[in-house]
Structure formats: C-alpha cells, structure tokens
Protein backbone atom coordinates (compact mmCIF):
# COMPACT_ATOMS: atom_id res chain seq x y z
CA MET A 1 -71.43 113.09 -24.49
CA SER A 2 -72.04 114.84 -21.20
CA ILE A 3 -74.11 117.80 -22.39
CA SER A 4 -77.32 118.04 -24.38
CA LEU A 5 -78.31 120.53 -27.08
CA ALA A 6 -80.91 121.94 -24.71
CA GLU A 7 -78.32 122.55 -22.00
CA LEU A 8 -75.98 124.15 -24.51
CA GLU A 9 -78.78 126.41 -25.74
CA ALA A 10 -79.46 127.69 -22.22
CA ILE A 11 -75.77 128.53 -21.79
CA VAL A 12 -75.38 130.22 -25.18
CA ARG A 13 -78.58 132.24 -24.77
CA ALA A 14 -77.34 133.44 -21.39
CA ALA A 15 -74.12 134.54 -23.09
CA GLY A 16 -76.27 136.34 -25.64
CA ASN A 17 -77.98 138.28 -22.86
CA ILE A 18 -74.58 139.44 -21.66
CA ALA A 19 -73.71 140.59 -25.18
CA LEU A 20 -77.03 142.42 -25.52
CA THR A 21 -76.38 144.34 -22.30
CA TYR A 22 -73.30 145.83 -23.95
CA PHE A 23 -75.02 146.20 -27.34
CA LYS A 24 -77.76 148.36 -25.84
CA ASP A 25 -75.18 150.73 -24.34
CA LEU A 26 -72.56 150.94 -27.08
CA LYS A 27 -71.60 154.51 -26.31
CA ASN A 28 -70.04 153.23 -23.10
CA VAL A 29 -68.40 150.14 -24.58
CA GLY A 30 -64.67 150.37 -25.12
CA VAL A 31 -63.48 149.34 -28.59
CA ASN A 32 -59.84 148.41 -29.07
CA LYS A 33 -57.80 147.04 -31.94
CA LYS A 34 -55.87 143.78 -31.85
CA SER A 35 -54.37 144.82 -35.18
CA PRO A 36 -54.97 147.80 -37.50
CA ARG A 37 -58.19 146.24 -38.88
CA ASP A 38 -59.21 143.74 -36.20
CA TYR A 39 -61.45 144.92 -33.37
CA VAL A 40 -62.17 143.67 -29.86
CA THR A 41 -64.63 145.08 -27.33
CA ALA A 42 -65.34 144.59 -23.65
CA ALA A 43 -68.32 142.53 -24.77
CA ASP A 44 -66.09 140.00 -26.56
CA VAL A 45 -64.04 139.54 -23.41
CA ALA A 46 -67.04 139.31 -21.08
CA VAL A 47 -68.95 136.83 -23.23
CA GLU A 48 -65.93 134.58 -23.65
CA ALA A 49 -65.10 134.70 -19.95
CA TYR A 50 -68.66 133.62 -19.14
CA LEU A 51 -68.65 130.79 -21.67
CA LYS A 52 -65.23 129.56 -20.57
CA GLU A 53 -66.27 129.50 -16.92
CA VAL A 54 -69.65 127.84 -17.41
CA LEU A 55 -68.62 125.31 -20.06
CA THR A 56 -65.51 124.32 -18.11
CA GLN A 57 -67.54 123.84 -14.94
CA ARG A 58 -70.23 121.90 -16.78
CA CYS A 59 -67.79 119.76 -18.79
CA PRO A 60 -64.39 119.73 -17.06
CA GLU A 61 -63.27 116.88 -19.32
CA TYR A 62 -63.13 119.22 -22.33
CA GLY A 63 -60.51 121.83 -23.13
CA PHE A 64 -61.34 125.33 -24.36
CA TRP A 65 -60.20 127.40 -27.33
CA GLY A 66 -61.54 130.93 -27.45
CA GLU A 67 -60.64 133.73 -29.84
CA GLU A 68 -59.76 136.11 -27.02
CA SER A 69 -58.25 133.86 -24.34
CA GLY A 70 -56.56 131.26 -26.52
CA GLN A 71 -56.19 127.55 -25.82
CA THR A 72 -56.11 125.65 -22.56
CA ALA A 73 -53.46 122.99 -22.11
CA ASP A 74 -55.43 119.95 -23.25
CA GLN A 75 -56.97 120.35 -26.69
CA THR A 76 -57.77 116.69 -27.38
CA ASN A 77 -61.48 117.29 -26.87
CA ARG A 78 -62.48 120.93 -26.74
CA TRP A 79 -64.97 123.73 -26.96
CA ILE A 80 -64.22 126.09 -29.87
CA VAL A 81 -65.64 129.55 -29.22
CA ASP A 82 -65.94 132.88 -30.97
CA PRO A 83 -67.64 135.12 -28.40
CA ILE A 84 -68.73 137.70 -30.97
CA ASP A 85 -68.27 136.91 -34.62
CA GLY A 86 -68.72 140.22 -36.39
CA THR A 87 -67.26 142.51 -33.73
CA HIS A 88 -67.01 145.47 -36.08
CA SER A 89 -70.71 145.16 -36.95
CA PHE A 90 -71.52 144.82 -33.25
CA SER A 91 -69.53 147.94 -32.40
CA ARG A 92 -71.45 149.98 -35.00
CA GLY A 93 -74.89 148.90 -33.80
CA GLN A 94 -75.60 146.57 -36.71
CA TYR A 95 -77.55 143.36 -36.09
CA TYR A 96 -75.52 140.76 -38.00
CA TRP A 97 -73.17 139.43 -35.32
CA SER A 98 -73.26 136.15 -33.50
CA ILE A 99 -71.94 133.92 -30.74
CA SER A 100 -70.42 130.70 -32.04
CA VAL A 101 -69.80 127.60 -29.89
CA ALA A 102 -68.74 124.17 -31.16
CA LEU A 103 -67.73 120.96 -29.45
CA GLU A 104 -64.97 118.91 -31.06
CA ILE A 105 -64.19 115.37 -29.87
CA ASP A 106 -61.26 113.39 -31.27
CA GLY A 107 -60.91 115.86 -34.13
CA GLU A 108 -64.57 115.64 -35.15
CA LEU A 109 -67.19 118.35 -34.73
CA ILE A 110 -70.01 116.87 -32.67
CA MET A 111 -72.20 119.81 -31.63
CA GLY A 112 -72.56 123.43 -32.66
CA ALA A 113 -74.59 126.52 -31.84
CA VAL A 114 -74.70 129.95 -33.46
CA PHE A 115 -76.82 132.61 -31.79
CA ALA A 116 -77.59 136.05 -33.22
CA PRO A 117 -78.94 137.83 -30.12
CA ALA A 118 -79.95 141.07 -31.87
CA LEU A 119 -82.08 139.02 -34.29
CA ASN A 120 -83.07 136.40 -31.70
CA ASP A 121 -82.15 133.66 -34.17
CA TYR A 122 -80.67 130.51 -32.66
CA TYR A 123 -79.14 127.83 -34.89
CA CYS A 124 -77.87 124.49 -33.66
CA ALA A 125 -76.91 121.00 -34.76
CA GLU A 126 -75.66 117.72 -33.39
CA LYS A 127 -73.76 115.37 -35.68
CA GLY A 128 -76.14 113.02 -37.46
CA LYS A 129 -79.29 114.63 -36.06
CA GLY A 130 -80.02 117.49 -38.44
CA ALA A 131 -79.91 121.27 -38.12
CA PHE A 132 -82.38 123.61 -36.47
CA LYS A 133 -83.31 127.29 -36.30
CA ASN A 134 -85.36 128.38 -33.32
CA GLY A 135 -86.43 124.79 -32.77
CA GLU A 136 -87.53 124.13 -36.36
CA SER A 137 -85.71 121.83 -38.78
CA ILE A 138 -83.89 123.61 -41.63
CA ARG A 139 -82.48 122.54 -45.01
CA VAL A 140 -80.38 124.13 -47.72
CA SER A 141 -82.02 125.66 -50.79
CA THR A 142 -82.96 123.72 -53.91
CA GLU A 143 -81.59 126.28 -56.37
CA ASP A 144 -79.56 124.44 -59.03
CA ASN A 145 -78.55 127.37 -61.25
CA LEU A 146 -75.82 129.72 -60.09
CA GLU A 147 -77.24 132.42 -62.37
CA ASN A 148 -80.30 132.55 -60.09
CA GLY A 149 -78.25 132.22 -56.94
CA MET A 150 -77.82 134.40 -53.88
CA ILE A 151 -74.22 134.27 -52.66
CA ALA A 152 -72.23 135.86 -49.84
CA THR A 153 -68.58 136.28 -49.01
CA GLY A 154 -66.26 138.11 -46.65
CA PHE A 155 -62.91 139.83 -46.70
CA ALA A 156 -60.86 138.73 -43.71
CA CYS A 157 -57.97 138.66 -46.19
CA LEU A 158 -58.25 142.43 -46.62
CA ARG A 159 -57.81 142.89 -42.87
CA SER A 160 -54.57 140.93 -43.17
CA TYR A 161 -53.32 142.98 -46.16
CA LEU A 162 -52.92 139.82 -48.26
CA THR A 163 -52.21 139.94 -51.98
CA ASP A 164 -54.85 137.27 -52.58
CA ASN A 165 -57.58 139.49 -51.17
CA ASN A 166 -60.73 137.85 -52.62
CA LEU A 167 -61.63 140.87 -54.73
CA ALA A 168 -60.86 139.20 -58.06
CA ARG A 169 -62.60 136.01 -56.97
CA PHE A 170 -65.67 137.98 -55.91
CA ALA A 171 -65.74 139.84 -59.22
CA ARG A 172 -65.61 136.58 -61.18
CA ILE A 173 -68.39 134.90 -59.21
CA ALA A 174 -70.69 137.86 -58.58
CA GLN A 175 -71.32 138.59 -62.25
CA HIS A 176 -72.73 135.07 -62.66
CA THR A 177 -75.27 135.41 -59.84
CA THR A 178 -78.48 137.31 -59.20
CA GLY A 179 -77.75 138.46 -55.65
CA GLN A 180 -74.62 139.22 -53.67
CA ARG A 181 -74.40 139.89 -49.95
CA ARG A 182 -71.72 140.81 -47.41
CA PHE A 183 -73.11 140.44 -43.87
CA GLY A 184 -69.96 140.53 -41.72
CA SER A 185 -70.26 137.33 -39.67
CA ALA A 186 -68.98 134.10 -41.21
CA ALA A 187 -70.77 132.05 -38.57
CA MET A 188 -74.06 133.68 -39.55
CA ASP A 189 -73.33 133.30 -43.28
CA LEU A 190 -72.89 129.56 -42.83
CA CYS A 191 -76.21 129.36 -41.01
CA LEU A 192 -77.93 131.34 -43.76
CA VAL A 193 -76.77 128.70 -46.25
CA ALA A 194 -78.10 126.03 -43.90
CA ASP A 195 -81.43 127.86 -43.76
CA GLY A 196 -81.73 128.27 -47.54
CA GLN A 197 -81.45 132.05 -47.40
CA LEU A 198 -78.14 131.86 -49.26
CA ASP A 199 -77.10 129.34 -51.89
CA ALA A 200 -73.36 129.67 -51.27
CA PHE A 201 -70.79 131.36 -49.06
CA TRP A 202 -67.02 131.43 -49.24
CA GLU A 203 -64.22 133.19 -47.42
CA GLN A 204 -60.52 132.79 -46.85
CA GLU A 205 -58.01 133.39 -44.06
CA LEU A 206 -60.48 132.63 -41.27
CA ASN A 207 -59.84 130.66 -38.09
CA LEU A 208 -61.51 127.47 -36.92
CA TYR A 209 -63.44 129.33 -34.22
CA ASP A 210 -65.05 131.47 -36.95
CA VAL A 211 -66.53 128.51 -38.81
CA ALA A 212 -66.62 125.38 -36.63
CA ALA A 213 -70.19 125.64 -35.36
CA GLY A 214 -71.62 127.12 -38.55
CA ALA A 215 -69.97 124.51 -40.76
CA LEU A 216 -71.46 121.67 -38.72
CA ILE A 217 -74.90 123.31 -38.85
CA ALA A 218 -74.57 123.73 -42.63
CA LYS A 219 -73.47 120.13 -43.14
CA GLU A 220 -76.34 118.83 -41.04
CA ALA A 221 -78.71 120.90 -43.20
CA GLY A 222 -77.39 119.20 -46.34
CA ALA A 223 -74.69 121.64 -47.43
CA SER A 224 -71.42 120.80 -49.13
CA VAL A 225 -68.40 122.07 -47.18
CA THR A 226 -65.15 122.14 -49.14
CA ASP A 227 -62.05 124.15 -49.93
CA PHE A 228 -61.74 126.19 -53.12
CA SER A 229 -60.72 123.06 -55.05
CA GLY A 230 -63.76 121.07 -53.99
CA ASN A 231 -62.02 118.89 -51.41
CA ALA A 232 -64.51 117.96 -48.69
CA GLY A 233 -63.66 119.17 -45.20
CA ILE A 234 -63.57 122.26 -43.03
CA TYR A 235 -60.69 124.44 -44.17
CA PRO A 236 -60.86 127.85 -42.47
CA LYS A 237 -58.19 129.28 -44.77
CA GLN A 238 -60.36 128.39 -47.78
CA ILE A 239 -63.96 127.56 -46.94
CA LEU A 240 -66.70 127.16 -49.53
CA VAL A 241 -70.18 126.17 -48.40
CA THR A 242 -72.98 125.61 -50.91
CA ASN A 243 -76.35 123.92 -51.20
CA GLY A 244 -74.48 121.20 -53.11
CA LEU A 245 -76.43 121.74 -56.32
CA ILE A 246 -74.33 124.69 -57.50
CA LEU A 247 -70.98 123.47 -56.17
CA SER A 248 -69.48 122.54 -59.51
CA GLN A 249 -70.67 125.78 -61.07
CA ILE A 250 -69.14 128.03 -58.45
CA LEU A 251 -65.91 125.99 -58.37
CA SER A 252 -65.38 126.84 -62.03
CA TYR A 253 -64.92 130.51 -61.05
CA MET A 254 -62.81 129.97 -57.95
C-alpha cells in the first residue's frame, strides 16, 4: 500500500479545514437539492474536489468514487468518498456531520477515516490493525442486553419515499431499548458503535460511500457488520452494526 494512515489523516484533516471554512459562514453558503429531500452545498463540492485532486496525485494507481463527482474510469482499486455525510445537519449549523474516506483494493476495504471537524473527532482504521479515535485505541461496548442498550438509526428511505420506510422497524426495536438516537450521519453512527457510545446502528437504502469507512472502523473495533438477516458483510441497502453481543436480540425484531 502506497499511503500510510498518518498521511491519510493529514489529507482528511485538511479537507476538514475546508469544510469548517464554509461551516463558519453558513449564511453565505449556497444550499441546493439533488432531489426533493437530498441536499448538496458548495462545501460538499469543494471538499470532494480537494480530496479527489490530492488523493489522485498522491496515489495515481487508485480510482476515485465520490458522492458528488461519481466514478472515474478504473474502479478496480479505489478511494470511496463522502465529502460531507450529514449535509442537512451541516447546512443547519448542527455538529454531527463528517468526512468519510475509504480505500478499497480488490474488493476489500483496507483503510478508512471518518472525521467530524465540528467535534474535532477523528476515527480511523487499517485492516487487521485495530480502530482508533484521536490516536487512542477504541472497542465496542460490552452491553449484552438489548433492554439496556443505546441504539441509533436513520431514515434515508424516507428521503426516497419508499414504502419500507424503517418506521415500523424502529418502533419494534425502540420499545425494547433504553435509549434511541438519530444523529444524521451514518458514517458517524458507525464510529459511535466502534467507540462504545452506541450498542447498535442500522439503516437502509444507503450507498457504499456512506458506510465504507465507518464499517471498516467498526469491524476493527470488534463490531458485527451484517444485513438485516444476519449475513456478514457490508450491505449499504441493509446495514446492521452491533457490538456483537446483542446481534441475535436485535435481529429478532428486524
């Protein structure tokens, strides 16, 4: 591999500084809609343009897939980037949004970084080497009873006007837990499971760039990553990430 975690961190933090420049001047940031419920800002475009330029220069052997600019021609080995995950939160001045960057080689996630600039929380992982937050090793929680659990979800399916909109699933699961959260950034939610702040997170109808980096970080922190039937793997259209100890319990309500 031709780039280190430290080099990637320097690049992603620089992208975060670009995002913060816009975040501190939101009244002058243009907000547009890609669809009736899907937002994009000038910050999304600027951050992705920076990451695409720098990562392509640093690692010309890798392709690039960004939410805003799409895919380059060669996607065999690639960077997978969401420049701002949680754009709506960003546009309203809320702090739970993040920059997500993952490196995939031969279909396998090798490296991932999720940076929440407004919180100054930086999560990263390299396959087989553990997960880290701000330089410190992190692990999933040890909670083994869903009834005591803190869970989170999201509603990308509502943005898409889908009949299976997660509301019934949320109602089934939430009543069997102690705490329920909806933060607005799937990448951050995955990192919160990795860090033990959440015991489980699920969402449906996402894209790979929403979850690639966060899923690797969660796995390296000891999390189970499955679909809603418990099949191991990263399935953006049905992703369930838990501390592993409550997996079977939460699957019974899926």
